[in-house]
Protein backbone atom coordinates (compact mmCIF):
# COMPACT_ATOMS: atom_id res chain seq x y z
CA MET A 1 14.45 -4.67 -27.38
CA VAL A 2 17.90 -5.80 -26.59
CA CYS A 3 18.03 -2.68 -24.13
CA VAL A 4 15.15 -3.96 -22.36
CA LEU A 5 16.34 -7.57 -22.09
CA ILE A 6 19.59 -6.01 -20.72
CA ILE A 7 18.17 -3.67 -18.40
CA VAL A 8 16.21 -6.63 -17.40
CA GLY A 9 18.55 -9.85 -17.77
CA VAL A 10 21.74 -8.35 -16.01
CA PRO A 11 20.40 -8.29 -12.56
CA LEU A 12 18.75 -11.93 -12.97
CA TYR A 13 21.92 -13.36 -14.08
CA TYR A 14 23.29 -11.82 -11.33
CA ILE A 15 21.18 -12.86 -8.84
CA LEU A 16 21.01 -16.49 -10.40
CA THR A 17 25.37 -16.58 -10.41
CA ARG A 18 25.49 -15.49 -6.78
CA SER A 19 22.85 -18.10 -5.90
CA PHE A 20 25.34 -20.91 -6.49
CA MET A 21 28.90 -19.01 -5.36
CA ALA A 22 30.66 -19.37 -1.96
CA HIS A 23 30.75 -16.74 0.48
CA ALA A 24 34.17 -15.51 0.05
CA GLU A 25 33.82 -15.40 -3.94
CA VAL A 26 30.97 -13.17 -3.78
CA TYR A 27 32.81 -10.28 -2.63
CA THR A 28 36.03 -11.01 -4.73
CA GLN A 29 37.55 -8.32 -6.51
CA PRO A 30 37.46 -8.04 -9.49
CA VAL A 31 34.01 -8.90 -9.69
CA THR A 32 33.66 -12.96 -10.73
CA TYR A 33 30.81 -13.36 -13.37
CA TRP A 34 30.70 -17.27 -13.45
CA PRO A 35 30.84 -19.13 -10.35
CA LYS A 36 34.29 -21.09 -10.03
CA ARG A 37 32.44 -23.87 -8.08
CA TRP A 38 28.78 -24.46 -8.07
CA LEU A 39 27.27 -24.82 -4.52
CA VAL A 40 23.56 -25.70 -4.07
CA SER A 41 24.23 -26.22 -0.54
CA ASN A 42 23.19 -22.52 -0.76
CA TYR A 43 19.77 -23.54 -1.70
CA HIS A 44 19.80 -26.20 1.64
CA ASP A 45 20.77 -23.40 4.13
CA ALA A 46 18.46 -20.74 2.25
CA THR A 47 15.58 -23.40 3.09
CA THR A 48 16.99 -24.64 6.19
CA THR A 49 18.51 -21.64 8.66
CA LEU A 50 14.82 -20.00 8.49
CA PRO A 51 11.32 -21.45 7.94
CA PHE A 52 11.42 -21.27 4.35
CA TRP A 53 8.61 -23.20 3.72
CA GLN A 54 5.98 -21.53 6.35
CA PHE A 55 6.94 -18.34 5.03
CA LEU A 56 6.03 -20.05 1.59
CA ARG A 57 2.63 -21.08 3.11
CA ASN A 58 2.22 -17.64 4.62
CA SER A 59 3.02 -15.84 1.25
CA ILE A 60 0.23 -18.18 -0.64
CA ILE A 61 -2.38 -17.60 2.05
CA VAL A 62 -2.07 -13.79 1.92
CA THR A 63 -1.55 -13.52 -1.89
CA ALA A 64 -4.93 -15.93 -2.37
CA ILE A 65 -6.77 -14.10 -0.04
CA VAL A 66 -6.27 -10.58 -0.93
CA SER A 67 -5.82 -11.25 -5.14
CA ALA A 68 -9.84 -13.39 -4.70
CA VAL A 69 -11.23 -10.11 -2.97
CA LYS A 70 -9.46 -7.34 -4.78
CA PHE A 71 -10.67 -9.59 -8.18
CA VAL A 72 -14.27 -9.88 -7.16
CA LEU A 73 -14.89 -6.03 -5.56
CA GLY A 74 -12.86 -4.65 -8.61
CA VAL A 75 -15.23 -7.10 -10.88
CA LEU A 76 -18.72 -6.02 -9.35
CA SER A 77 -17.87 -2.51 -8.18
CA ALA A 78 -16.76 -1.76 -11.98
CA TYR A 79 -19.88 -3.46 -13.03
CA GLY A 80 -22.32 -1.28 -11.10
CA LEU A 81 -20.58 1.67 -12.01
CA VAL A 82 -20.98 0.89 -15.88
CA PHE A 83 -24.04 -0.79 -15.91
CA LEU A 84 -26.23 0.05 -12.94
CA ARG A 85 -28.41 3.64 -12.49
CA PHE A 86 -28.04 4.58 -8.84
CA PRO A 87 -27.69 8.40 -7.67
CA GLY A 88 -24.22 9.71 -6.65
CA LYS A 89 -22.47 6.89 -9.48
CA ASN A 90 -20.05 9.52 -10.78
CA ILE A 91 -19.37 11.08 -7.55
CA LEU A 92 -18.40 7.48 -6.35
CA PHE A 93 -15.99 7.11 -9.25
CA LEU A 94 -13.74 10.78 -8.73
CA VAL A 95 -13.35 9.49 -4.84
CA ILE A 96 -12.14 5.93 -6.20
CA ILE A 97 -9.80 7.99 -8.71
CA ALA A 98 -8.94 10.19 -5.77
CA ALA A 99 -7.95 6.94 -3.94
CA LEU A 100 -5.37 6.42 -6.75
CA MET A 101 -3.58 9.23 -6.42
CA VAL A 102 -3.06 8.96 -2.79
CA PRO A 103 0.34 6.62 -2.36
CA ASN A 104 0.04 3.82 0.60
CA GLN A 105 2.97 4.89 2.01
CA ILE A 106 0.45 8.01 3.52
CA THR A 107 -2.32 5.28 4.83
CA ILE A 108 -0.04 3.18 6.65
CA ILE A 109 0.18 4.76 9.96
CA SER A 110 -3.30 5.72 10.65
CA ASN A 111 -3.68 1.27 9.27
CA TYR A 112 -0.76 0.32 11.72
CA ALA A 113 -2.74 2.58 14.75
CA LEU A 114 -6.43 0.67 13.54
CA MET A 115 -4.97 -2.80 12.92
CA SER A 116 -3.27 -2.01 16.85
CA GLN A 117 -6.35 -1.27 18.10
CA VAL A 118 -8.29 -3.99 17.57
CA GLY A 119 -6.21 -6.47 18.30
CA LEU A 120 -4.83 -7.74 14.68
CA ARG A 121 -1.53 -7.02 14.55
CA ASN A 122 0.49 -10.41 13.89
CA THR A 123 -2.27 -11.63 12.53
CA PHE A 124 -3.33 -12.70 9.19
CA ALA A 125 -6.49 -10.92 9.21
CA GLY A 126 -4.23 -7.72 10.12
CA ILE A 127 -2.24 -8.15 7.16
CA ILE A 128 -4.96 -9.16 4.68
CA LEU A 129 -7.86 -6.61 5.24
CA PRO A 130 -5.71 -3.14 4.81
CA LEU A 131 -4.48 -4.57 1.42
CA CYS A 132 -8.01 -5.40 -0.13
CA GLY A 133 -8.58 -1.85 -1.46
CA VAL A 134 -9.31 -2.02 -5.20
CA ALA A 135 -9.47 1.29 -6.68
CA PHE A 136 -6.91 0.37 -9.58
CA GLY A 137 -9.10 -2.76 -10.43
CA THR A 138 -11.97 -0.73 -10.68
CA PHE A 139 -10.72 1.86 -12.88
CA LEU A 140 -9.26 -0.79 -15.11
CA MET A 141 -12.58 -3.16 -15.27
CA ARG A 142 -14.81 0.36 -15.53
CA ASN A 143 -12.89 1.71 -18.52
CA HIS A 144 -12.50 -2.08 -19.82
CA PHE A 145 -16.70 -2.38 -19.52
CA LEU A 146 -17.09 0.55 -21.33
CA SER A 147 -15.46 -0.26 -24.56
CA LEU A 148 -17.43 -3.30 -24.94
CA PRO A 149 -20.18 -3.01 -28.10
CA SER A 150 -23.02 -1.44 -26.55
CA GLU A 151 -25.57 -3.30 -29.07
CA VAL A 152 -24.29 -6.42 -27.24
CA ILE A 153 -25.33 -5.08 -24.14
CA GLU A 154 -28.42 -3.64 -25.39
CA ALA A 155 -29.77 -6.99 -27.03
CA ALA A 156 -28.79 -9.09 -24.16
CA ARG A 157 -31.37 -6.30 -22.31
CA MET A 158 -34.07 -7.06 -24.40
CA ASP A 159 -33.85 -10.45 -24.22
CA GLY A 160 -34.99 -10.21 -20.92
CA ALA A 161 -31.33 -10.60 -19.18
CA GLY A 162 -31.23 -9.06 -15.42
CA TRP A 163 -27.89 -7.82 -14.03
CA TRP A 164 -26.71 -11.20 -12.76
CA ARG A 165 -27.50 -12.64 -16.16
CA LEU A 166 -25.89 -9.93 -18.21
CA LEU A 167 -22.58 -9.99 -15.84
CA THR A 168 -22.43 -13.90 -16.44
CA ARG A 169 -23.33 -14.70 -19.57
CA VAL A 170 -22.64 -11.32 -21.68
CA VAL A 171 -20.07 -8.87 -19.84
CA LEU A 172 -17.77 -11.51 -18.47
CA PRO A 173 -17.02 -13.44 -21.43
CA MET A 174 -15.93 -10.79 -23.35
CA SER A 175 -13.49 -9.54 -20.85
CA GLY A 176 -11.67 -12.81 -20.45
CA PRO A 177 -8.02 -11.13 -21.43
CA THR A 178 -8.32 -7.90 -19.39
CA MET A 179 -9.57 -10.04 -16.42
CA VAL A 180 -6.36 -12.07 -16.73
CA ALA A 181 -4.52 -8.97 -16.83
CA PHE A 182 -5.90 -7.44 -13.47
CA ALA A 183 -5.11 -11.09 -11.65
CA VAL A 184 -1.77 -11.06 -13.22
CA VAL A 185 -1.01 -7.91 -12.12
CA THR A 186 -2.73 -8.35 -8.72
CA LEU A 187 -0.95 -11.26 -8.10
CA VAL A 188 2.44 -9.97 -8.56
CA ASN A 189 1.84 -7.21 -6.45
CA GLU A 190 0.63 -9.10 -3.50
CA TRP A 191 3.10 -11.73 -3.85
CA ASN A 192 5.57 -9.10 -3.83
CA GLU A 193 4.22 -6.86 -1.07
CA TYR A 194 6.85 -6.23 1.70
CA LEU A 195 6.22 -3.57 3.91
CA TRP A 196 2.71 -3.32 5.50
CA PRO A 197 3.94 -7.37 6.22
CA PHE A 198 7.00 -6.11 7.83
CA LEU A 199 5.30 -4.01 9.72
CA MET A 200 2.59 -6.26 10.86
CA ALA A 201 4.33 -9.55 11.59
CA ASP A 202 6.77 -9.57 14.60
CA ASP A 203 7.69 -13.56 13.87
CA ALA A 204 7.37 -16.34 11.30
CA ARG A 205 3.64 -17.42 12.15
CA VAL A 206 2.21 -14.48 9.65
CA ALA A 207 5.41 -13.23 8.01
CA THR A 208 5.91 -13.68 4.06
CA LEU A 209 8.76 -14.74 1.63
CA PRO A 210 9.48 -11.02 1.19
CA VAL A 211 9.73 -10.49 5.02
CA GLY A 212 11.69 -14.00 5.27
CA LEU A 213 14.26 -12.70 2.68
CA THR A 214 15.25 -9.49 5.13
CA LEU A 215 15.07 -12.24 8.00
CA LEU A 216 17.62 -14.33 6.20
CA GLN A 217 20.04 -11.47 5.10
CA ASN A 218 20.44 -10.32 8.96
CA THR A 219 20.83 -14.24 10.22
CA GLU A 220 24.70 -14.29 10.90
CA ASN A 221 26.94 -11.52 10.71
CA PRO A 222 24.52 -8.31 9.84
CA SER A 223 27.88 -6.57 8.71
CA VAL A 224 28.31 -8.76 5.87
CA THR A 225 25.76 -10.90 4.13
CA ASN A 226 26.03 -14.16 3.00
CA TRP A 227 24.34 -13.61 -0.57
CA GLY A 228 24.46 -16.86 -1.13
CA PRO A 229 21.55 -18.33 0.42
CA VAL A 230 20.17 -14.43 0.25
CA MET A 231 20.22 -15.04 -3.39
CA ALA A 232 19.38 -19.05 -3.53
CA GLY A 233 16.08 -17.30 -1.41
CA VAL A 234 15.91 -14.63 -3.84
CA ILE A 235 15.36 -17.28 -6.57
CA LEU A 236 12.80 -19.47 -4.81
CA THR A 237 10.83 -16.62 -4.45
CA MET A 238 10.25 -15.90 -7.60
CA LEU A 239 9.52 -19.33 -9.09
CA PRO A 240 5.96 -19.98 -7.83
CA ILE A 241 5.05 -16.26 -9.02
CA LEU A 242 6.70 -17.06 -12.44
CA ILE A 243 4.90 -20.15 -12.94
CA VAL A 244 1.43 -18.86 -11.74
CA PHE A 245 2.49 -15.95 -14.51
CA LEU A 246 3.24 -18.18 -17.28
CA ALA A 247 0.30 -20.37 -16.66
CA LEU A 248 -1.89 -16.92 -16.81
CA GLN A 249 -0.17 -15.70 -19.60
CA ARG A 250 -1.65 -18.77 -21.81
CA GLN A 251 -5.04 -17.85 -21.06
CA MET A 252 -4.46 -14.58 -21.78
CA ILE A 253 -3.48 -15.36 -25.59
CA LYS A 254 -6.26 -17.92 -25.42
CA GLY A 255 -9.07 -15.28 -24.59
CA LEU A 256 -7.42 -12.27 -27.21
CA THR A 257 -7.53 -15.41 -29.80
CA SER A 258 -10.53 -16.79 -29.20
CA GLY A 259 -14.55 -15.27 -30.14
CA ALA A 260 -16.39 -13.77 -27.27
CA VAL A 261 -20.11 -13.62 -28.94
CA LYS A 262 -21.46 -16.84 -30.60
CA GLY A 263 -24.21 -16.47 -33.06
């Protein structure tokens, strides 16, 4: 735990302290580990040099829509693969597994060409649509659904539960912790997505926060980055998803400690 704390904590400490340092102090040799003078103005510069709040709004829009679509598709597709009977189900699952083995970077060129041809460059739709692939969520939720007690599922079917009632009244109430884990992973991944929004966004109208941090790094002198405002922007970018994670973590603990089936 100490090793993990060092590996994770040292970069975070570096980012936090540099976000309050002056430009010259960041480049001081030997390295300064504590600000001599705490500059809150770095945070002001980070939010005013570029349209930071517009980048924040764009990130919230993209993350919320993509995460919601991925969550719904992941749960429904996994439910269909486990509890519904239809021809080619196993072949379909193999195709989903194969999609997990293909790096996202390989599909970027084809997705970029497609979005450009249909006129969706520099739009929210062009950023969101290619990100809605849900192979990981389907794989995760399918394996969880297979671990649910078969006796409970059969009892619900004997009571006349259809596919919708079985999903909403039996399967989902027993899947709280896994769904929260799926949601947390999805939210964090989409919030931190950089390469695809960077390729699709031409200006601040649809650019997300990670893209905005890159623009902030290159605003004044590209050869000598003013790391104080950049690190302040990193801290501000981390805060929203950190708050969401802490809120969902509480729900995860609640789901782990509460009973799913009532007599």
